[in-house]
N, C-alpha and C. Protein backbone atom coordinates (compact mmCIF):
# COMPACT_ATOMS: atom_id res chain seq x y z
N UNK A 1 0.85 -1.16 0.00
CA UNK A 1 0.00 0.00 0.00
C UNK A 1 0.91 1.24 0.00
N UNK A 2 0.52 2.23 -0.73
CA UNK A 2 1.27 3.48 -0.80
C UNK A 2 1.11 4.25 0.51
N UNK A 3 2.13 4.96 0.92
CA UNK A 3 2.11 5.70 2.19
C UNK A 3 0.94 6.67 2.24
N UNK A 4 0.65 7.34 1.14
CA UNK A 4 -0.47 8.28 1.11
C UNK A 4 -1.79 7.57 1.35
N UNK A 5 -1.95 6.38 0.82
CA UNK A 5 -3.18 5.60 1.04
C UNK A 5 -3.31 5.23 2.51
N UNK A 6 -2.21 4.86 3.13
CA UNK A 6 -2.22 4.54 4.57
C UNK A 6 -2.60 5.78 5.36
N UNK A 7 -2.02 6.91 4.98
CA UNK A 7 -2.29 8.19 5.66
C UNK A 7 -3.78 8.54 5.57
N UNK A 8 -4.37 8.40 4.40
CA UNK A 8 -5.79 8.73 4.24
C UNK A 8 -6.68 7.78 5.04
N UNK A 9 -6.31 6.50 5.06
CA UNK A 9 -7.12 5.50 5.77
C UNK A 9 -7.06 5.72 7.28
N UNK A 10 -5.87 6.02 7.80
CA UNK A 10 -5.70 6.18 9.25
C UNK A 10 -5.96 7.60 9.74
N UNK A 11 -5.97 8.55 8.82
CA UNK A 11 -6.19 9.97 9.16
C UNK A 11 -5.17 10.45 10.19
N UNK A 12 -3.90 10.12 9.92
CA UNK A 12 -2.79 10.54 10.77
C UNK A 12 -1.77 11.28 9.92
N UNK A 13 -0.92 12.11 10.55
CA UNK A 13 0.11 12.82 9.80
C UNK A 13 1.10 11.84 9.13
N UNK A 14 1.56 12.20 7.95
CA UNK A 14 2.48 11.37 7.19
C UNK A 14 3.76 11.09 7.97
N UNK A 15 4.23 12.06 8.75
CA UNK A 15 5.46 11.87 9.52
C UNK A 15 5.29 10.77 10.57
N UNK A 16 4.13 10.72 11.23
CA UNK A 16 3.87 9.66 12.22
C UNK A 16 3.85 8.30 11.55
N UNK A 17 3.17 8.22 10.42
CA UNK A 17 3.07 6.95 9.70
C UNK A 17 4.45 6.48 9.26
N UNK A 18 5.27 7.39 8.75
CA UNK A 18 6.61 7.03 8.31
C UNK A 18 7.45 6.49 9.46
N UNK A 19 7.36 7.12 10.62
CA UNK A 19 8.12 6.65 11.80
C UNK A 19 7.67 5.25 12.21
N UNK A 20 6.38 5.02 12.25
CA UNK A 20 5.87 3.71 12.62
C UNK A 20 6.24 2.64 11.59
N UNK A 21 6.16 3.00 10.32
CA UNK A 21 6.52 2.04 9.27
C UNK A 21 8.00 1.70 9.33
N UNK A 22 8.83 2.66 9.69
CA UNK A 22 10.27 2.38 9.82
C UNK A 22 10.52 1.35 10.92
N UNK A 23 9.84 1.50 12.05
CA UNK A 23 10.00 0.55 13.16
C UNK A 23 9.50 -0.83 12.74
N UNK A 24 8.36 -0.87 12.05
CA UNK A 24 7.82 -2.15 11.59
C UNK A 24 8.75 -2.80 10.56
N UNK A 25 9.36 -1.99 9.70
CA UNK A 25 10.29 -2.50 8.69
C UNK A 25 11.55 -3.05 9.36
N UNK A 26 12.09 -2.31 10.32
CA UNK A 26 13.28 -2.75 11.04
C UNK A 26 13.01 -4.03 11.82
N UNK A 27 11.79 -4.19 12.30
CA UNK A 27 11.41 -5.39 13.04
C UNK A 27 11.05 -6.56 12.13
N UNK A 28 11.02 -6.31 10.82
CA UNK A 28 10.74 -7.38 9.87
C UNK A 28 9.28 -7.69 9.68
N UNK A 29 8.40 -6.81 10.19
CA UNK A 29 6.97 -7.05 10.08
C UNK A 29 6.44 -6.60 8.72
N UNK A 30 7.00 -5.52 8.19
CA UNK A 30 6.62 -5.05 6.85
C UNK A 30 7.86 -4.97 5.97
N UNK A 31 7.62 -5.01 4.68
CA UNK A 31 8.68 -4.82 3.69
C UNK A 31 8.27 -3.65 2.81
N UNK A 32 9.27 -3.02 2.20
CA UNK A 32 8.95 -1.89 1.34
C UNK A 32 9.60 -2.06 -0.03
N UNK A 33 9.03 -1.36 -1.00
CA UNK A 33 9.63 -1.30 -2.33
C UNK A 33 9.41 0.10 -2.87
N UNK A 34 10.35 0.55 -3.66
CA UNK A 34 10.28 1.89 -4.22
C UNK A 34 9.96 1.81 -5.70
N UNK A 35 9.04 2.65 -6.13
CA UNK A 35 8.73 2.82 -7.54
C UNK A 35 8.84 4.31 -7.83
N UNK A 36 9.98 4.71 -8.40
CA UNK A 36 10.23 6.13 -8.62
C UNK A 36 10.36 6.84 -7.29
N UNK A 37 9.51 7.84 -7.07
CA UNK A 37 9.53 8.59 -5.80
C UNK A 37 8.56 7.99 -4.78
N UNK A 38 7.82 6.98 -5.17
CA UNK A 38 6.80 6.40 -4.30
C UNK A 38 7.33 5.19 -3.55
N UNK A 39 6.93 5.10 -2.28
CA UNK A 39 7.30 3.96 -1.44
C UNK A 39 6.03 3.18 -1.12
N UNK A 40 6.10 1.87 -1.33
CA UNK A 40 4.97 1.00 -1.06
C UNK A 40 5.36 0.02 0.04
N UNK A 41 4.42 -0.26 0.94
CA UNK A 41 4.67 -1.16 2.06
C UNK A 41 3.68 -2.32 2.01
N UNK A 42 4.14 -3.48 2.43
CA UNK A 42 3.27 -4.64 2.55
C UNK A 42 3.74 -5.49 3.72
N UNK A 43 2.86 -6.36 4.19
CA UNK A 43 3.20 -7.23 5.31
C UNK A 43 4.21 -8.27 4.83
N UNK A 44 5.24 -8.46 5.63
CA UNK A 44 6.29 -9.43 5.30
C UNK A 44 5.74 -10.84 5.41
N UNK A 45 6.45 -11.78 4.81
CA UNK A 45 6.09 -13.20 4.92
C UNK A 45 6.46 -13.65 6.34
N UNK A 46 5.50 -13.58 7.23
CA UNK A 46 5.75 -13.82 8.65
C UNK A 46 5.94 -15.29 8.98
N UNK A 47 5.66 -16.18 8.04
CA UNK A 47 5.88 -17.60 8.30
C UNK A 47 7.37 -17.91 8.37
N UNK A 48 8.19 -17.04 7.78
CA UNK A 48 9.63 -17.24 7.78
C UNK A 48 10.33 -16.34 8.78
N UNK A 49 9.56 -15.58 9.52
CA UNK A 49 10.12 -14.59 10.44
C UNK A 49 10.05 -15.09 11.86
N UNK A 50 11.06 -14.79 12.65
CA UNK A 50 11.07 -15.20 14.06
C UNK A 50 10.62 -14.03 14.92
N UNK A 51 9.32 -13.81 14.97
CA UNK A 51 8.77 -12.71 15.76
C UNK A 51 9.01 -12.94 17.24
N UNK A 52 9.23 -11.84 17.94
CA UNK A 52 9.34 -11.92 19.39
C UNK A 52 10.72 -12.28 19.89
N UNK A 53 11.66 -12.47 19.03
CA UNK A 53 13.02 -12.81 19.45
C UNK A 53 13.80 -11.51 19.62
N UNK A 54 13.84 -11.02 20.81
CA UNK A 54 14.48 -9.75 21.11
C UNK A 54 15.95 -9.74 20.67
N UNK A 55 16.63 -10.86 20.80
CA UNK A 55 18.04 -10.91 20.41
C UNK A 55 18.20 -10.73 18.91
N UNK A 56 17.27 -11.27 18.12
CA UNK A 56 17.33 -11.11 16.67
C UNK A 56 17.19 -9.64 16.30
N UNK A 57 16.27 -8.95 16.97
CA UNK A 57 16.06 -7.53 16.69
C UNK A 57 17.26 -6.70 17.14
N UNK A 58 17.85 -7.07 18.27
CA UNK A 58 19.01 -6.34 18.78
C UNK A 58 20.20 -6.49 17.84
N UNK A 59 20.37 -7.70 17.27
CA UNK A 59 21.47 -7.91 16.31
C UNK A 59 21.32 -7.00 15.11
N UNK A 60 20.09 -6.73 14.71
CA UNK A 60 19.82 -5.87 13.57
C UNK A 60 19.88 -4.39 13.97
N UNK A 61 20.19 -4.12 15.25
CA UNK A 61 20.22 -2.76 15.80
C UNK A 61 18.90 -2.04 15.53
N UNK A 62 17.83 -2.76 15.73
CA UNK A 62 16.50 -2.26 15.45
C UNK A 62 15.93 -1.51 16.64
N UNK A 63 15.19 -0.44 16.36
CA UNK A 63 14.47 0.28 17.41
C UNK A 63 13.40 -0.62 18.01
N UNK A 64 12.93 -1.58 17.24
CA UNK A 64 11.88 -2.48 17.72
C UNK A 64 12.37 -3.33 18.88
N UNK A 65 13.68 -3.50 19.04
CA UNK A 65 14.23 -4.30 20.13
C UNK A 65 13.89 -3.69 21.49
N UNK A 66 13.65 -2.40 21.54
CA UNK A 66 13.33 -1.72 22.79
C UNK A 66 11.98 -2.14 23.35
N UNK A 67 11.11 -2.65 22.47
CA UNK A 67 9.74 -2.91 22.87
C UNK A 67 9.48 -4.34 23.29
N UNK A 68 10.47 -5.19 23.21
CA UNK A 68 10.34 -6.55 23.70
C UNK A 68 9.60 -7.47 22.75
N UNK A 69 9.18 -8.63 23.27
CA UNK A 69 8.53 -9.63 22.43
C UNK A 69 7.27 -9.11 21.77
N UNK A 70 7.00 -9.66 20.61
CA UNK A 70 5.86 -9.22 19.80
C UNK A 70 4.86 -10.35 19.71
N UNK A 71 3.61 -10.02 19.88
CA UNK A 71 2.55 -10.98 19.61
C UNK A 71 1.76 -10.43 18.45
N UNK A 72 1.57 -11.25 17.43
CA UNK A 72 0.86 -10.80 16.25
C UNK A 72 -0.25 -11.78 15.95
N UNK A 73 -1.44 -11.25 15.80
CA UNK A 73 -2.58 -12.08 15.47
C UNK A 73 -2.96 -11.78 14.02
N UNK A 74 -2.85 -12.79 13.18
CA UNK A 74 -3.19 -12.63 11.77
C UNK A 74 -4.63 -13.06 11.55
N UNK A 75 -5.32 -12.39 10.60
CA UNK A 75 -6.69 -12.79 10.32
C UNK A 75 -6.73 -14.19 9.71
N UNK A 76 -7.76 -14.95 10.06
CA UNK A 76 -7.90 -16.30 9.49
C UNK A 76 -8.37 -16.19 8.05
N UNK A 77 -7.81 -17.06 7.22
CA UNK A 77 -8.19 -17.02 5.80
C UNK A 77 -9.25 -18.04 5.50
């Protein structure tokens, strides 16, 4: 999803959304791709990700490591 679309849906300032997306990206929860000047974000393939491993996040020098273990509930398909 494009950052502007996220901004319109959440009705929050773009700067707040960018900060949160950076933390989610560093934690491996979302991935991004650039198309020209546009940045698109999507949920990472979490089946291959070790969520909640604080040491893994610390090794990546991630800001997400400060927040401890993560619990993520995905919608049932």
